[in-house]
Protein backbone atom coordinates (compact mmCIF):
# COMPACT_ATOMS: atom_id res chain seq x y z
CA MET A 1 244.72 161.38 189.88
CA ARG A 2 244.60 157.73 189.60
CA CYS A 3 241.78 155.50 191.01
CA LEU A 4 241.96 151.94 192.22
CA ALA A 5 238.89 149.85 193.00
CA PHE A 6 238.73 146.54 194.76
CA VAL A 7 235.39 144.84 193.75
CA SER A 8 233.69 141.49 193.95
CA PRO A 9 230.37 139.79 193.48
CA LEU A 10 231.24 137.60 196.53
CA GLY A 11 231.36 138.67 200.17
CA GLY A 12 234.01 137.96 202.65
CA VAL A 13 236.79 137.73 200.09
CA GLY A 14 239.20 140.24 201.48
CA ARG A 15 238.59 143.47 199.51
CA THR A 16 238.85 145.59 202.71
CA THR A 17 242.25 143.88 203.61
CA LEU A 18 243.81 144.47 200.15
CA ALA A 19 242.45 148.13 200.08
CA ALA A 20 243.88 149.01 203.40
CA HIS A 21 247.27 147.35 202.79
CA CYS A 22 247.73 148.78 199.22
CA ALA A 23 246.77 152.21 200.51
CA THR A 24 249.35 151.93 203.33
CA LEU A 25 252.17 150.49 201.05
CA LEU A 26 251.49 153.14 198.31
CA ALA A 27 251.81 155.85 200.99
CA ALA A 28 254.91 154.46 202.23
CA SER A 29 256.39 154.73 198.85
CA GLY A 30 255.74 158.54 198.82
CA THR A 31 252.29 158.53 196.95
CA PRO A 32 249.52 160.71 198.35
CA VAL A 33 246.78 158.23 199.13
CA LEU A 34 243.05 158.63 199.82
CA ALA A 35 241.34 155.42 201.13
CA PHE A 36 237.58 155.77 200.57
CA ASP A 37 235.33 153.33 202.38
CA LEU A 38 232.21 152.95 200.26
CA SER A 39 230.96 149.88 202.25
CA PRO A 40 228.39 150.03 204.82
CA GLN A 41 230.36 147.54 206.89
CA ASN A 42 232.48 150.50 207.78
CA THR A 43 235.69 148.62 208.62
CA LEU A 44 238.34 149.96 206.45
CA GLY A 45 239.69 152.11 209.21
CA LEU A 46 240.20 149.07 211.34
CA HIS A 47 243.40 148.38 209.35
CA LEU A 48 244.36 151.97 209.42
CA GLY A 49 244.64 152.93 213.18
CA LEU A 50 241.11 153.02 214.32
CA SER A 51 240.19 150.87 217.35
CA ALA A 52 236.52 150.87 216.43
CA PRO A 53 234.38 151.56 213.44
CA PRO A 54 233.78 155.33 213.34
CA GLU A 55 230.27 156.55 213.94
CA GLN A 56 230.68 159.57 211.77
CA GLY A 57 231.66 159.41 208.13
CA TRP A 58 231.03 160.75 204.63
CA GLN A 59 227.49 159.37 204.65
CA ALA A 60 226.47 161.59 207.46
CA ALA A 61 228.18 164.62 205.89
CA VAL A 62 226.34 164.11 202.68
CA ARG A 63 222.98 163.47 204.33
CA ASP A 64 223.42 166.79 206.30
CA GLY A 65 224.16 168.72 203.06
CA GLY A 66 227.84 169.17 203.76
CA TRP A 67 230.94 168.21 201.81
CA LEU A 68 232.01 164.66 202.25
CA GLY A 69 235.73 165.81 202.48
CA GLU A 70 234.84 167.14 205.99
CA ALA A 71 234.90 163.55 207.22
CA ALA A 72 238.35 162.81 206.17
CA LEU A 73 240.92 161.27 208.83
CA GLU A 74 244.75 160.84 208.56
CA ASN A 75 246.82 158.15 210.21
CA SER A 76 250.47 158.17 211.15
CA ALA A 77 251.35 156.36 207.95
CA GLY A 78 250.15 159.29 205.87
CA VAL A 79 246.97 157.70 204.54
CA ARG A 80 243.96 160.01 204.37
CA LEU A 81 240.65 157.95 205.22
CA LEU A 82 237.11 158.77 204.11
CA PRO A 83 235.32 156.52 206.53
CA HIS A 84 231.83 155.34 205.58
CA GLY A 85 230.37 155.77 209.11
CA THR A 86 227.24 154.28 210.58
CA LEU A 87 223.96 155.69 209.25
CA ALA A 88 220.55 154.08 209.86
CA HIS A 89 218.85 155.72 206.86
CA ARG A 90 221.20 155.52 203.92
CA THR A 91 220.35 157.28 200.79
CA SER A 92 221.24 156.10 197.19
CA GLN A 93 223.31 158.45 195.16
CA PRO A 94 222.66 159.12 191.43
CA GLN A 95 224.76 157.52 188.66
CA GLY A 96 228.06 159.39 188.26
CA TRP A 97 227.97 160.73 191.76
CA LEU A 98 231.09 159.04 192.86
CA ALA A 99 233.17 160.34 189.88
CA GLU A 100 231.95 163.84 190.60
CA GLN A 101 232.77 163.71 194.31
CA LEU A 102 236.35 162.40 193.55
CA ALA A 103 236.72 165.34 191.24
CA LEU A 104 235.62 167.75 193.90
CA LEU A 105 238.06 166.43 196.33
CA ASP A 106 240.76 168.07 194.21
CA LEU A 107 243.35 165.29 194.75
CA PRO A 108 246.93 165.97 193.49
CA THR A 109 247.63 164.47 190.13
CA ASP A 110 250.30 162.21 191.58
CA GLY A 111 247.79 160.78 194.17
CA VAL A 112 245.78 157.69 194.24
CA ALA A 113 242.14 157.08 195.46
CA VAL A 114 241.80 153.57 196.74
CA LEU A 115 238.18 152.52 196.84
CA ASP A 116 236.89 149.73 199.20
CA THR A 117 233.55 148.72 197.88
CA PRO A 118 230.38 146.74 198.85
CA THR A 119 229.64 143.58 197.19
CA LEU A 120 228.37 143.92 193.54
CA PRO A 121 225.88 144.58 192.24
CA ALA A 122 225.48 147.27 195.05
CA PRO A 123 225.11 150.70 193.32
CA MET A 124 228.14 152.10 194.83
CA ALA A 125 230.17 149.23 193.85
CA GLN A 126 228.99 149.77 190.28
CA GLN A 127 229.86 153.45 190.49
CA ALA A 128 233.43 152.47 191.63
CA LEU A 129 233.72 149.91 188.91
CA LEU A 130 233.00 152.56 186.28
CA CYS A 131 235.29 155.29 187.51
CA ALA A 132 238.34 153.35 188.37
CA ASP A 133 241.53 153.31 186.25
CA LEU A 134 242.38 149.96 187.58
CA VAL A 135 239.80 147.48 188.82
CA VAL A 136 240.97 144.50 190.82
CA LEU A 137 238.46 141.77 191.16
CA VAL A 138 238.90 139.82 194.43
CA LEU A 139 238.06 136.27 194.82
CA ASP A 140 238.64 133.68 197.67
CA VAL A 141 240.17 130.24 196.67
CA SER A 142 236.84 128.41 197.33
CA PRO A 143 234.60 126.38 194.99
CA ARG A 144 232.11 129.28 194.85
CA ALA A 145 234.70 131.55 193.15
CA VAL A 146 234.87 129.15 190.17
CA HIS A 147 231.43 130.14 189.24
CA VAL A 148 232.06 133.91 189.09
CA HIS A 149 233.74 133.75 185.86
CA ALA A 150 230.54 133.90 183.62
CA THR A 151 229.04 136.50 185.88
CA TRP A 152 232.08 138.88 185.57
CA GLN A 153 231.93 138.95 181.77
CA SER A 154 228.88 141.11 182.00
CA TRP A 155 230.75 143.61 184.11
CA ILE A 156 233.64 143.64 181.89
CA GLY A 157 231.30 144.81 179.05
CA ARG A 158 230.66 148.09 180.97
CA LEU A 159 234.35 148.98 181.42
CA GLN A 160 235.90 151.65 179.05
CA PRO A 161 238.89 150.53 176.80
CA THR A 162 241.12 152.82 178.93
CA GLN A 163 240.25 150.84 182.18
CA ARG A 164 242.48 148.04 183.23
CA TRP A 165 241.36 145.05 185.31
CA ALA A 166 242.95 142.15 187.00
CA VAL A 167 242.01 139.32 189.52
CA ALA A 168 243.54 138.96 193.02
CA LEU A 169 243.10 135.62 194.86
CA ASN A 170 242.87 135.43 198.65
CA GLY A 171 242.97 132.27 200.89
CA VAL A 172 245.61 130.26 199.29
CA ASP A 173 246.58 127.33 201.48
CA PRO A 174 248.75 124.62 200.16
CA ARG A 175 247.85 122.16 202.95
CA SER A 176 244.29 121.94 201.76
CA ALA A 177 243.60 119.45 198.87
CA ILE A 178 240.33 121.31 198.14
CA ARG A 179 241.94 124.75 197.89
CA ARG A 180 244.87 123.29 195.82
CA GLY A 181 242.31 121.97 193.23
CA THR A 182 240.26 125.03 193.35
CA LEU A 183 243.42 127.20 192.77
CA ALA A 184 244.34 125.14 189.87
CA ARG A 185 240.87 125.64 188.35
CA LEU A 186 241.04 129.55 188.98
CA ARG A 187 244.40 129.76 187.33
CA ALA A 188 243.03 127.84 184.25
CA GLN A 189 239.93 130.19 184.17
CA TRP A 190 241.75 133.63 184.50
CA GLY A 191 245.11 132.87 183.08
CA GLU A 192 247.16 136.13 182.59
CA ARG A 193 244.47 138.18 184.33
CA LEU A 194 245.66 136.85 187.72
CA LEU A 195 247.98 138.90 189.71
CA PRO A 196 251.43 137.28 189.94
CA TYR A 197 251.00 137.33 193.89
CA ALA A 198 248.10 135.61 195.68
CA LEU A 199 247.36 136.14 199.37
CA HIS A 200 247.97 133.03 201.53
CA GLN A 201 245.75 132.17 204.59
CA ASP A 202 247.79 133.77 207.43
CA GLU A 203 246.82 134.20 211.11
CA HIS A 204 249.03 137.30 211.33
CA VAL A 205 246.44 139.29 209.24
CA PRO A 206 243.63 139.24 211.85
CA GLN A 207 246.29 139.62 214.57
CA ALA A 208 247.43 142.72 212.93
CA GLN A 209 243.81 144.05 212.61
CA GLU A 210 243.36 143.56 216.35
CA ARG A 211 246.14 146.09 216.78
CA ALA A 212 244.67 148.41 214.16
CA LEU A 213 247.71 147.76 211.93
CA CYS A 214 248.49 146.30 208.58
CA VAL A 215 250.34 142.98 208.74
CA HIS A 216 253.56 144.42 207.34
CA GLN A 217 253.65 146.86 210.13
CA SER A 218 253.22 144.26 213.04
CA MET A 219 254.92 141.19 211.41
CA PRO A 220 257.00 142.14 208.38
CA GLN A 221 258.45 138.58 208.00
CA ALA A 222 254.94 137.07 207.72
CA GLN A 223 253.97 135.18 204.56
CA ALA A 224 250.91 137.61 204.14
CA ALA A 225 253.21 140.57 204.42
CA HIS A 226 255.28 139.35 201.53
CA ASP A 227 252.22 138.57 199.47
CA LEU A 228 250.66 142.05 200.09
CA GLN A 229 253.87 143.97 199.23
CA GLY A 230 254.02 142.07 195.99
CA ILE A 231 250.45 142.97 195.17
CA ALA A 232 250.97 146.61 196.08
CA ALA A 233 254.06 146.85 193.98
CA TRP A 234 252.09 145.29 191.05
CA VAL A 235 249.23 147.67 191.52
CA SER A 236 251.66 150.64 191.54
CA GLU A 237 253.19 149.60 188.31
CA ALA A 238 249.77 148.88 186.77
CA LEU A 239 248.44 152.25 187.65
CA GLY A 240 251.36 153.82 185.75
CA PRO A 241 253.08 157.10 186.28
CA ALA A 242 251.20 159.97 187.72
CA PRO A 243 249.76 162.24 184.95
CA THR A 244 251.49 165.49 184.50
CA GLY A 245 249.98 168.54 186.18
CA ARG A 246 249.51 169.89 189.66
CA GLN A 247 251.45 168.19 192.38
CA GLY A 248 250.78 168.48 196.02
CA ALA A 249 249.49 166.90 199.30
CA LEU A 250 245.90 165.76 199.89
């Protein structure tokens, strides 16, 4: 099994949007996909067919001493979703818990677990960072993102040599002089670490979410649909071929 994590030390940068769209597009290519919502915001399912954030999720299953896989849902696109759920009294999990739970899910070797994370340094985001085969740092094209570069170096030091990482930019707007200037600075900072596709500001993304869809499902000709398809294709190639071994459905 391969694991993909979208992380960021900044909030509101589009981690959930990227996670949902990559999960859906990977599933459309025939890859078994599990979308794992690790964020208390509990919104990943809103891109995947749910009309409202689910009250029940893996947090409640774990709290009650059950198996988190019991909370899994599946949409018409073939994406399995483990929603976070709402839980007033959340409990922290020990280091290594996430990796152990992914192993217990017994995902097929040709599958991909897509992790939507809370903002770093949240403990669950740190666990996702350490167990992912591919880590995508998500930044918005804003002045605050320019200051993340130094902070990210400390997180890089925790990665294993076998782990890959890259940077995805969200909120590109050629009409804005500030964003054009910031985009140039971010490109200079990150260089080859930047994904070849960035996500443009596009009103079709929130419009699609209102219909509980991904943007390529509701408006395939939109700029954001093109961007996200490119990002998903890059991610698929970066994850590499599925390891040999057991094949099957989630």
